[in-house]
Structure formats: structure tokens, C-alpha cells
Amino acid sequence: MLDVDLFLYYVAAVAEKVQAIEVEPEEDFDHDEVREMLLQIGQGLGFEVDSDVPLAPGAKVDVIWRARIGNLGEIKYVFEVHKEGSVDSLLLNLLKAQSDPTVQKVIAVSDERRLNIIRKEASSLPQLSNRIIYWTVTEVKRAADLLGELKGIMEKLELVKI
């Protein structure tokens, strides 16, 4: 009987450790700050950028990157930053956005935990699941930092005046 008690105690202790490991801390970020970073990154890569763009009736997206390609028209990349609120609303906005033939990809931006929820919900939407990209806020911040570093190097070398 003592062996069973020890075994159950061990299982409970291991289960608590496993649960503690599985819980990912939420990354705290400011929605508007991440949008600004996306605008800066897009502009730094040579895209025309815009925020709060209405793409379809009832669908306003956080950020758009546009590129004109000669006589062929333009291509767009649509970004939605998700911090709180309905995942369904985010997915509906991205679905409406991707109905525009110039939209190449739609990108959901959030922390890893929320992106996993979005990924799970989007998997049931075949018209969206193959065109959506998931970008973590951590990666966005890193890209913005690297872009800033590159601009600093370019200015230092006096290759461009920024």
C-alpha cells in the first residue's frame, strides 16, 4: 500500500512539473507599437505601407505592404496584429482580405500562445490555411531592430542619407 501511495505522489509531482513547463508565458506587447514596427519594416524593405486600411466591406486590416510590379499591377501583403479579442474576427478579416486577387499572403502577428490558437482555428478553413503566415511579436521586434541596425550602418558608410 505504501508503494502505491509513493507512486501516486510521484505521478502527481511529475504532472505538476509537466504542467508548469507546458504553460507558456504570455508576451506582453503593445498593439500599436507592433503595427508601427511592421510599417517601418515594410518601408525599409521598399514597400509602400499603410495602416488601418479598409479592404472589403466590414474588413479593416492593421497593416498593408504594397509593391508595384511594372505593368502587371501590384501585390499586397496584409498583416493583422492580434493581442486580444475574437480570433474569429481576425480570421474573418484575413479571409475577406485574401479575396482580393492582389493579396499574396495574409500574416497573423501575435505571441506564440495566441498564434497557436489562431493556427488551430485556421486549420479548419482550407481557403485560408494555405495562404496564412504566422509571425511572432518577438520575430517582428528582432526584424525591426536588425533593420534599424542596417540603417545605422548605411548612414555611417554614407551610402544613403536616411
N, C-alpha and C. Protein backbone atom coordinates (compact mmCIF):
# COMPACT_ATOMS: atom_id res chain seq x y z
N MET A 1 0.82 -1.19 0.00
CA MET A 1 0.00 0.00 0.00
C MET A 1 0.87 1.26 0.00
N LEU A 2 1.95 1.20 0.75
CA LEU A 2 2.87 2.33 0.79
C LEU A 2 3.47 2.60 -0.59
N ASP A 3 3.74 1.51 -1.34
CA ASP A 3 4.28 1.66 -2.70
C ASP A 3 3.31 2.40 -3.60
N VAL A 4 2.04 2.10 -3.48
CA VAL A 4 1.01 2.76 -4.29
C VAL A 4 0.95 4.24 -3.94
N ASP A 5 1.00 4.55 -2.64
CA ASP A 5 0.98 5.95 -2.21
C ASP A 5 2.19 6.71 -2.77
N LEU A 6 3.37 6.10 -2.68
CA LEU A 6 4.57 6.74 -3.21
C LEU A 6 4.48 6.93 -4.73
N PHE A 7 3.95 5.91 -5.41
CA PHE A 7 3.78 6.01 -6.85
C PHE A 7 2.84 7.15 -7.22
N LEU A 8 1.71 7.24 -6.54
CA LEU A 8 0.74 8.30 -6.82
C LEU A 8 1.33 9.67 -6.51
N TYR A 9 2.09 9.75 -5.43
CA TYR A 9 2.75 11.02 -5.09
C TYR A 9 3.73 11.41 -6.20
N TYR A 10 4.51 10.43 -6.68
CA TYR A 10 5.47 10.68 -7.75
C TYR A 10 4.76 11.13 -9.02
N VAL A 11 3.68 10.47 -9.39
CA VAL A 11 2.92 10.84 -10.59
C VAL A 11 2.38 12.26 -10.45
N ALA A 12 1.84 12.60 -9.29
CA ALA A 12 1.31 13.95 -9.07
C ALA A 12 2.42 14.99 -9.16
N ALA A 13 3.58 14.71 -8.59
CA ALA A 13 4.70 15.65 -8.61
C ALA A 13 5.20 15.85 -10.04
N VAL A 14 5.33 14.78 -10.79
CA VAL A 14 5.78 14.88 -12.18
C VAL A 14 4.75 15.61 -13.02
N ALA A 15 3.47 15.34 -12.81
CA ALA A 15 2.41 16.01 -13.57
C ALA A 15 2.43 17.51 -13.33
N GLU A 16 2.68 17.94 -12.08
CA GLU A 16 2.76 19.37 -11.80
C GLU A 16 3.93 20.01 -12.54
N LYS A 17 5.07 19.32 -12.58
CA LYS A 17 6.23 19.85 -13.29
C LYS A 17 5.95 19.95 -14.78
N VAL A 18 5.30 18.93 -15.34
CA VAL A 18 4.98 18.94 -16.77
C VAL A 18 4.02 20.08 -17.09
N GLN A 19 3.00 20.28 -16.25
CA GLN A 19 2.06 21.37 -16.48
C GLN A 19 2.77 22.71 -16.39
N ALA A 20 3.69 22.84 -15.45
CA ALA A 20 4.41 24.10 -15.30
C ALA A 20 5.26 24.38 -16.53
N ILE A 21 5.82 23.35 -17.12
CA ILE A 21 6.64 23.52 -18.31
C ILE A 21 5.78 23.88 -19.52
N GLU A 22 4.60 23.27 -19.65
CA GLU A 22 3.74 23.47 -20.81
C GLU A 22 3.13 24.86 -20.87
N VAL A 23 2.98 25.52 -19.73
CA VAL A 23 2.37 26.84 -19.72
C VAL A 23 3.37 27.86 -20.22
N GLU A 24 3.06 28.45 -21.37
CA GLU A 24 3.93 29.46 -21.94
C GLU A 24 3.51 30.82 -21.42
N PRO A 25 4.46 31.61 -20.97
CA PRO A 25 4.08 32.94 -20.50
C PRO A 25 3.64 33.80 -21.69
N GLU A 26 2.61 34.59 -21.45
CA GLU A 26 2.13 35.49 -22.49
C GLU A 26 3.13 36.62 -22.65
N GLU A 27 3.48 36.89 -23.89
CA GLU A 27 4.38 38.00 -24.14
C GLU A 27 3.54 39.27 -24.15
N ASP A 28 3.96 40.22 -23.35
CA ASP A 28 3.23 41.48 -23.29
C ASP A 28 3.75 42.38 -24.41
N PHE A 29 2.83 42.91 -25.19
CA PHE A 29 3.23 43.80 -26.27
C PHE A 29 2.12 44.82 -26.50
N ASP A 30 2.50 45.93 -27.09
CA ASP A 30 1.56 46.98 -27.40
C ASP A 30 1.15 46.84 -28.87
N HIS A 31 -0.15 46.73 -29.10
CA HIS A 31 -0.70 46.53 -30.44
C HIS A 31 -0.21 47.60 -31.41
N ASP A 32 -0.32 48.87 -31.01
CA ASP A 32 0.06 49.97 -31.89
C ASP A 32 1.56 50.00 -32.15
N GLU A 33 2.34 49.64 -31.14
CA GLU A 33 3.80 49.61 -31.30
C GLU A 33 4.21 48.55 -32.33
N VAL A 34 3.57 47.39 -32.28
CA VAL A 34 3.87 46.33 -33.24
C VAL A 34 3.45 46.76 -34.65
N ARG A 35 2.31 47.42 -34.76
CA ARG A 35 1.88 47.94 -36.07
C ARG A 35 2.91 48.92 -36.63
N GLU A 36 3.41 49.80 -35.77
CA GLU A 36 4.43 50.76 -36.22
C GLU A 36 5.70 50.04 -36.68
N MET A 37 6.08 48.99 -35.97
CA MET A 37 7.26 48.22 -36.38
C MET A 37 7.03 47.58 -37.75
N LEU A 38 5.83 47.04 -37.96
CA LEU A 38 5.52 46.43 -39.26
C LEU A 38 5.59 47.47 -40.38
N LEU A 39 5.10 48.68 -40.10
CA LEU A 39 5.17 49.75 -41.09
C LEU A 39 6.63 50.10 -41.40
N GLN A 40 7.45 50.20 -40.36
CA GLN A 40 8.87 50.53 -40.55
C GLN A 40 9.60 49.43 -41.32
N ILE A 41 9.32 48.18 -40.99
CA ILE A 41 9.97 47.06 -41.68
C ILE A 41 9.58 47.08 -43.16
N GLY A 42 8.29 47.21 -43.44
CA GLY A 42 7.83 47.24 -44.83
C GLY A 42 8.45 48.37 -45.61
N GLN A 43 8.46 49.54 -45.01
CA GLN A 43 9.05 50.71 -45.67
C GLN A 43 10.55 50.50 -45.90
N GLY A 44 11.21 49.92 -44.91
CA GLY A 44 12.64 49.65 -45.04
C GLY A 44 12.95 48.64 -46.13
N LEU A 45 12.00 47.76 -46.42
CA LEU A 45 12.18 46.77 -47.48
C LEU A 45 11.75 47.29 -48.85
N GLY A 46 11.28 48.53 -48.88
CA GLY A 46 10.93 49.14 -50.17
C GLY A 46 9.47 49.06 -50.55
N PHE A 47 8.62 48.64 -49.64
CA PHE A 47 7.19 48.57 -49.92
C PHE A 47 6.54 49.92 -49.64
N GLU A 48 5.42 50.18 -50.30
CA GLU A 48 4.53 51.26 -49.89
C GLU A 48 3.73 50.68 -48.74
N VAL A 49 3.62 51.41 -47.65
CA VAL A 49 2.95 50.87 -46.47
C VAL A 49 1.78 51.75 -46.06
N ASP A 50 0.82 51.13 -45.41
CA ASP A 50 -0.34 51.86 -44.91
C ASP A 50 -0.93 51.08 -43.74
N SER A 51 -1.65 51.79 -42.88
CA SER A 51 -2.29 51.13 -41.74
C SER A 51 -3.78 51.45 -41.72
N ASP A 52 -4.53 50.63 -41.00
CA ASP A 52 -5.98 50.76 -40.88
C ASP A 52 -6.64 50.91 -42.25
N VAL A 53 -6.39 49.94 -43.10
CA VAL A 53 -6.87 50.00 -44.48
C VAL A 53 -8.13 49.18 -44.64
N PRO A 54 -9.22 49.80 -45.14
CA PRO A 54 -10.42 49.00 -45.45
C PRO A 54 -10.18 48.26 -46.77
N LEU A 55 -10.27 46.94 -46.73
CA LEU A 55 -10.03 46.13 -47.93
C LEU A 55 -11.31 45.60 -48.54
N ALA A 56 -12.27 45.32 -47.70
CA ALA A 56 -13.55 44.79 -48.15
C ALA A 56 -14.61 45.35 -47.21
N PRO A 57 -15.87 45.30 -47.61
CA PRO A 57 -16.91 45.80 -46.70
C PRO A 57 -16.82 45.12 -45.33
N GLY A 58 -16.65 45.93 -44.32
CA GLY A 58 -16.58 45.41 -42.95
C GLY A 58 -15.23 44.84 -42.56
N ALA A 59 -14.23 44.97 -43.41
CA ALA A 59 -12.91 44.43 -43.09
C ALA A 59 -11.86 45.52 -43.18
N LYS A 60 -11.33 45.89 -42.03
CA LYS A 60 -10.24 46.86 -41.97
C LYS A 60 -9.04 46.12 -41.39
N VAL A 61 -7.91 46.16 -42.10
CA VAL A 61 -6.73 45.43 -41.65
C VAL A 61 -5.71 46.39 -41.05
N ASP A 62 -4.87 45.85 -40.18
CA ASP A 62 -3.91 46.68 -39.45
C ASP A 62 -2.85 47.31 -40.35
N VAL A 63 -2.20 46.49 -41.17
CA VAL A 63 -1.08 46.99 -41.99
C VAL A 63 -1.11 46.30 -43.35
N ILE A 64 -0.77 47.08 -44.38
CA ILE A 64 -0.60 46.54 -45.73
C ILE A 64 0.75 46.99 -46.27
N TRP A 65 1.44 46.04 -46.90
CA TRP A 65 2.63 46.36 -47.68
C TRP A 65 2.23 46.19 -49.14
N ARG A 66 2.53 47.20 -49.98
CA ARG A 66 2.23 47.14 -51.41
C ARG A 66 3.51 47.28 -52.22
N ALA A 67 3.56 46.57 -53.33
CA ALA A 67 4.66 46.74 -54.28
C ALA A 67 4.08 46.76 -55.68
N ARG A 68 4.47 47.73 -56.45
CA ARG A 68 4.06 47.82 -57.85
C ARG A 68 5.06 47.05 -58.69
N ILE A 69 4.53 46.26 -59.61
CA ILE A 69 5.39 45.44 -60.46
C ILE A 69 5.14 45.83 -61.91
N GLY A 70 5.91 46.80 -62.38
CA GLY A 70 5.82 47.25 -63.77
C GLY A 70 4.40 47.43 -64.24
N ASN A 71 4.10 46.85 -65.38
CA ASN A 71 2.76 46.94 -65.97
C ASN A 71 1.82 45.87 -65.45
N LEU A 72 2.31 45.01 -64.58
CA LEU A 72 1.50 43.90 -64.09
C LEU A 72 0.54 44.29 -62.97
N GLY A 73 0.73 45.43 -62.37
CA GLY A 73 -0.13 45.85 -61.28
C GLY A 73 0.61 45.88 -59.96
N GLU A 74 -0.06 45.45 -58.92
CA GLU A 74 0.57 45.47 -57.61
C GLU A 74 0.31 44.19 -56.85
N ILE A 75 1.16 43.94 -55.88
CA ILE A 75 0.95 42.83 -54.95
C ILE A 75 0.87 43.42 -53.56
N LYS A 76 0.14 42.70 -52.69
CA LYS A 76 -0.05 43.18 -51.32
C LYS A 76 0.21 42.05 -50.34
N TYR A 77 0.69 42.46 -49.18
CA TYR A 77 0.80 41.57 -48.03
C TYR A 77 0.02 42.23 -46.90
N VAL A 78 -0.88 41.47 -46.30
CA VAL A 78 -1.81 42.00 -45.30
C VAL A 78 -1.43 41.46 -43.92
N PHE A 79 -1.36 42.36 -42.94
CA PHE A 79 -0.98 41.99 -41.58
C PHE A 79 -2.11 42.33 -40.61
N GLU A 80 -2.40 41.40 -39.73
CA GLU A 80 -3.33 41.62 -38.63
C GLU A 80 -2.59 41.31 -37.34
N VAL A 81 -2.53 42.28 -36.44
CA VAL A 81 -1.90 42.10 -35.13
C VAL A 81 -3.00 41.71 -34.15
N HIS A 82 -2.78 40.61 -33.43
CA HIS A 82 -3.80 40.12 -32.50
C HIS A 82 -3.24 40.09 -31.09
N LYS A 83 -3.83 40.93 -30.24
CA LYS A 83 -3.44 40.93 -28.83
C LYS A 83 -4.58 40.39 -27.97
N GLU A 84 -5.76 40.82 -28.27
CA GLU A 84 -6.93 40.34 -27.53
C GLU A 84 -8.13 40.42 -28.45
N GLY A 85 -9.23 39.89 -28.00
CA GLY A 85 -10.43 39.92 -28.82
C GLY A 85 -10.66 38.58 -29.49
N SER A 86 -11.56 38.60 -30.43
CA SER A 86 -12.03 37.39 -31.07
C SER A 86 -11.08 36.91 -32.17
N VAL A 87 -10.69 35.65 -32.08
CA VAL A 87 -9.89 35.03 -33.13
C VAL A 87 -10.74 34.91 -34.39
N ASP A 88 -12.03 34.64 -34.22
CA ASP A 88 -12.93 34.53 -35.37
C ASP A 88 -12.97 35.82 -36.17
N SER A 89 -12.98 36.95 -35.48
CA SER A 89 -12.98 38.25 -36.15
C SER A 89 -11.69 38.44 -36.94
N LEU A 90 -10.57 38.08 -36.35
CA LEU A 90 -9.29 38.18 -37.04
C LEU A 90 -9.30 37.31 -38.29
N LEU A 91 -9.75 36.06 -38.16
CA LEU A 91 -9.77 35.15 -39.31
C LEU A 91 -10.73 35.63 -40.39
N LEU A 92 -11.86 36.21 -39.99
CA LEU A 92 -12.81 36.74 -40.97
C LEU A 92 -12.19 37.90 -41.74
N ASN A 93 -11.49 38.79 -41.03
CA ASN A 93 -10.79 39.90 -41.71
C ASN A 93 -9.76 39.37 -42.70
N LEU A 94 -9.01 38.35 -42.29
CA LEU A 94 -7.99 37.80 -43.19
C LEU A 94 -8.63 37.08 -44.38
N LEU A 95 -9.75 36.41 -44.14
CA LEU A 95 -10.48 35.76 -45.24
C LEU A 95 -10.97 36.79 -46.26
N LYS A 96 -11.55 37.87 -45.75
CA LYS A 96 -12.03 38.93 -46.64
C LYS A 96 -10.86 39.56 -47.40
N ALA A 97 -9.76 39.76 -46.71
CA ALA A 97 -8.59 40.38 -47.33
C ALA A 97 -8.03 39.50 -48.44
N GLN A 98 -7.96 38.21 -48.20
CA GLN A 98 -7.37 37.33 -49.20
C GLN A 98 -8.27 37.10 -50.41
N SER A 99 -9.50 37.59 -50.34
CA SER A 99 -10.37 37.51 -51.53
C SER A 99 -9.94 38.53 -52.58
N ASP A 100 -9.12 39.52 -52.19
CA ASP A 100 -8.55 40.48 -53.14
C ASP A 100 -7.45 39.75 -53.91
N PRO A 101 -7.55 39.68 -55.24
CA PRO A 101 -6.57 38.91 -56.01
C PRO A 101 -5.14 39.45 -55.94
N THR A 102 -4.97 40.70 -55.53
CA THR A 102 -3.61 41.25 -55.43
C THR A 102 -2.93 40.87 -54.12
N VAL A 103 -3.69 40.32 -53.17
CA VAL A 103 -3.12 39.91 -51.88
C VAL A 103 -2.42 38.56 -52.05
N GLN A 104 -1.12 38.56 -51.82
CA GLN A 104 -0.31 37.35 -51.96
C GLN A 104 -0.37 36.48 -50.71
N LYS A 105 -0.23 37.10 -49.57
CA LYS A 105 -0.26 36.39 -48.29
C LYS A 105 -0.93 37.26 -47.25
N VAL A 106 -1.53 36.60 -46.27
CA VAL A 106 -2.06 37.28 -45.10
C VAL A 106 -1.24 36.79 -43.91
N ILE A 107 -0.91 37.71 -43.02
CA ILE A 107 0.00 37.40 -41.92
C ILE A 107 -0.65 37.75 -40.59
N ALA A 108 -0.74 36.76 -39.71
CA ALA A 108 -1.22 36.97 -38.35
C ALA A 108 -0.01 37.19 -37.46
N VAL A 109 -0.04 38.25 -36.67
CA VAL A 109 1.08 38.60 -35.80
C VAL A 109 0.59 38.60 -34.36
N SER A 110 1.26 37.84 -33.51
CA SER A 110 0.90 37.79 -32.09
C SER A 110 2.00 37.05 -31.35
N ASP A 111 1.74 36.79 -30.06
CA ASP A 111 2.70 35.98 -29.31
C ASP A 111 2.46 34.51 -29.66
N GLU A 112 3.39 33.66 -29.26
CA GLU A 112 3.35 32.25 -29.63
C GLU A 112 2.07 31.56 -29.18
N ARG A 113 1.62 31.84 -27.97
CA ARG A 113 0.42 31.18 -27.44
C ARG A 113 -0.80 31.53 -28.28
N ARG A 114 -0.98 32.80 -28.57
CA ARG A 114 -2.13 33.22 -29.37
C ARG A 114 -2.02 32.70 -30.80
N LEU A 115 -0.81 32.68 -31.34
CA LEU A 115 -0.65 32.16 -32.70
C LEU A 115 -1.02 30.69 -32.78
N ASN A 116 -0.75 29.93 -31.73
CA ASN A 116 -1.15 28.52 -31.72
C ASN A 116 -2.67 28.39 -31.75
N ILE A 117 -3.36 29.27 -31.04
CA ILE A 117 -4.83 29.27 -31.06
C ILE A 117 -5.32 29.64 -32.46
N ILE A 118 -4.74 30.67 -33.05
CA ILE A 118 -5.13 31.10 -34.40
C ILE A 118 -4.85 29.98 -35.40
N ARG A 119 -3.70 29.34 -35.28
CA ARG A 119 -3.32 28.25 -36.18
C ARG A 119 -4.34 27.12 -36.11
N LYS A 120 -4.76 26.80 -34.90
CA LYS A 120 -5.73 25.72 -34.70
C LYS A 120 -7.07 26.08 -35.34
N GLU A 121 -7.53 27.31 -35.12
CA GLU A 121 -8.80 27.75 -35.70
C GLU A 121 -8.72 27.83 -37.23
N ALA A 122 -7.60 28.32 -37.75
CA ALA A 122 -7.45 28.49 -39.20
C ALA A 122 -7.35 27.16 -39.93
N SER A 123 -6.92 26.12 -39.24
CA SER A 123 -6.76 24.82 -39.89
C SER A 123 -8.08 24.27 -40.42
N SER A 124 -9.19 24.75 -39.89
CA SER A 124 -10.50 24.28 -40.37
C SER A 124 -11.01 25.11 -41.55
N LEU A 125 -10.22 26.08 -42.00
CA LEU A 125 -10.61 26.93 -43.13
C LEU A 125 -9.64 26.69 -44.29
N PRO A 126 -9.94 25.75 -45.17
CA PRO A 126 -8.99 25.42 -46.24
C PRO A 126 -8.67 26.59 -47.16
N GLN A 127 -9.62 27.49 -47.37
CA GLN A 127 -9.38 28.64 -48.24
C GLN A 127 -8.39 29.63 -47.62
N LEU A 128 -8.13 29.51 -46.34
CA LEU A 128 -7.21 30.42 -45.66
C LEU A 128 -5.92 29.72 -45.22
N SER A 129 -6.03 28.46 -44.85
CA SER A 129 -4.90 27.78 -44.20
C SER A 129 -3.64 27.71 -45.06
N ASN A 130 -3.76 27.71 -46.38
CA ASN A 130 -2.56 27.64 -47.22
C ASN A 130 -2.00 29.01 -47.58
N ARG A 131 -2.68 30.09 -47.18
CA ARG A 131 -2.20 31.43 -47.52
C ARG A 131 -1.87 32.28 -46.30
N ILE A 132 -2.00 31.70 -45.12
CA ILE A 132 -1.73 32.47 -43.90
C ILE A 132 -0.32 32.16 -43.39
N ILE A 133 0.33 33.20 -42.92
CA ILE A 133 1.65 33.08 -42.31
C ILE A 133 1.52 33.54 -40.86
N TYR A 134 2.27 32.91 -39.97
CA TYR A 134 2.25 33.25 -38.56
C TYR A 134 3.59 33.87 -38.19
N TRP A 135 3.55 35.08 -37.63
CA TRP A 135 4.78 35.80 -37.30
C TRP A 135 4.70 36.23 -35.84
N THR A 136 5.66 35.79 -35.04
CA THR A 136 5.62 36.14 -33.61
C THR A 136 6.08 37.57 -33.40
N VAL A 137 5.57 38.17 -32.35
CA VAL A 137 5.94 39.53 -31.99
C VAL A 137 7.45 39.60 -31.73
N THR A 138 8.00 38.56 -31.13
CA THR A 138 9.44 38.51 -30.87
C THR A 138 10.23 38.63 -32.17
N GLU A 139 9.79 37.90 -33.21
CA GLU A 139 10.46 37.97 -34.51
C GLU A 139 10.29 39.34 -35.16
N VAL A 140 9.11 39.94 -35.01
CA VAL A 140 8.87 41.28 -35.56
C VAL A 140 9.82 42.28 -34.90
N LYS A 141 9.93 42.20 -33.56
CA LYS A 141 10.83 43.11 -32.85
C LYS A 141 12.27 42.92 -33.30
N ARG A 142 12.67 41.68 -33.48
CA ARG A 142 14.04 41.39 -33.93
C ARG A 142 14.27 41.96 -35.33
N ALA A 143 13.29 41.76 -36.23
CA ALA A 143 13.42 42.29 -37.59
C ALA A 143 13.52 43.81 -37.57
N ALA A 144 12.72 44.46 -36.73
CA ALA A 144 12.76 45.92 -36.63
C ALA A 144 14.12 46.38 -36.09
N ASP A 145 14.64 45.66 -35.10
CA ASP A 145 15.97 46.00 -34.55
C ASP A 145 17.06 45.84 -35.61
N LEU A 146 17.00 44.73 -36.36
CA LEU A 146 18.00 44.49 -37.40
C LEU A 146 17.91 45.54 -38.50
N LEU A 147 16.70 45.94 -38.84
CA LEU A 147 16.52 46.98 -39.86
C LEU A 147 17.12 48.30 -39.37
N GLY A 148 16.88 48.62 -38.11
CA GLY A 148 17.46 49.83 -37.53
C GLY A 148 18.97 49.78 -37.54
N GLU A 149 19.52 48.60 -37.22
CA GLU A 149 20.97 48.43 -37.24
C GLU A 149 21.51 48.60 -38.66
N LEU A 150 20.82 48.03 -39.64
CA LEU A 150 21.24 48.17 -41.04
C LEU A 150 21.20 49.63 -41.49
N LYS A 151 20.15 50.34 -41.12
CA LYS A 151 20.06 51.76 -41.47
C LYS A 151 21.22 52.54 -40.86
N GLY A 152 21.57 52.21 -39.63
CA GLY A 152 22.69 52.87 -38.97
C GLY A 152 24.00 52.62 -39.70
N ILE A 153 24.21 51.39 -40.14
CA ILE A 153 25.42 51.05 -40.89
C ILE A 153 25.46 51.81 -42.22
N MET A 154 24.32 51.84 -42.91
CA MET A 154 24.24 52.53 -44.20
C MET A 154 24.53 54.02 -44.04
N GLU A 155 24.01 54.62 -42.98
CA GLU A 155 24.27 56.04 -42.73
C GLU A 155 25.74 56.27 -42.40
N LYS A 156 26.29 55.40 -41.59
CA LYS A 156 27.69 55.53 -41.18
C LYS A 156 28.62 55.45 -42.39
N LEU A 157 28.29 54.58 -43.32
CA LEU A 157 29.09 54.44 -44.53
C LEU A 157 28.78 55.52 -45.56
N GLU A 158 27.78 56.33 -45.25
CA GLU A 158 27.31 57.40 -46.13
C GLU A 158 26.91 56.88 -47.50
N LEU A 159 26.34 55.67 -47.50
CA LEU A 159 25.83 55.10 -48.75
C LEU A 159 24.48 55.70 -49.11
N VAL A 160 23.71 55.97 -48.09
CA VAL A 160 22.42 56.63 -48.29
C VAL A 160 22.19 57.60 -47.15
N LYS A 161 21.41 58.60 -47.40
CA LYS A 161 21.01 59.54 -46.35
C LYS A 161 19.59 59.17 -45.95
N ILE A 162 19.46 58.73 -44.71
CA ILE A 162 18.14 58.29 -44.24
C ILE A 162 17.58 59.32 -43.29
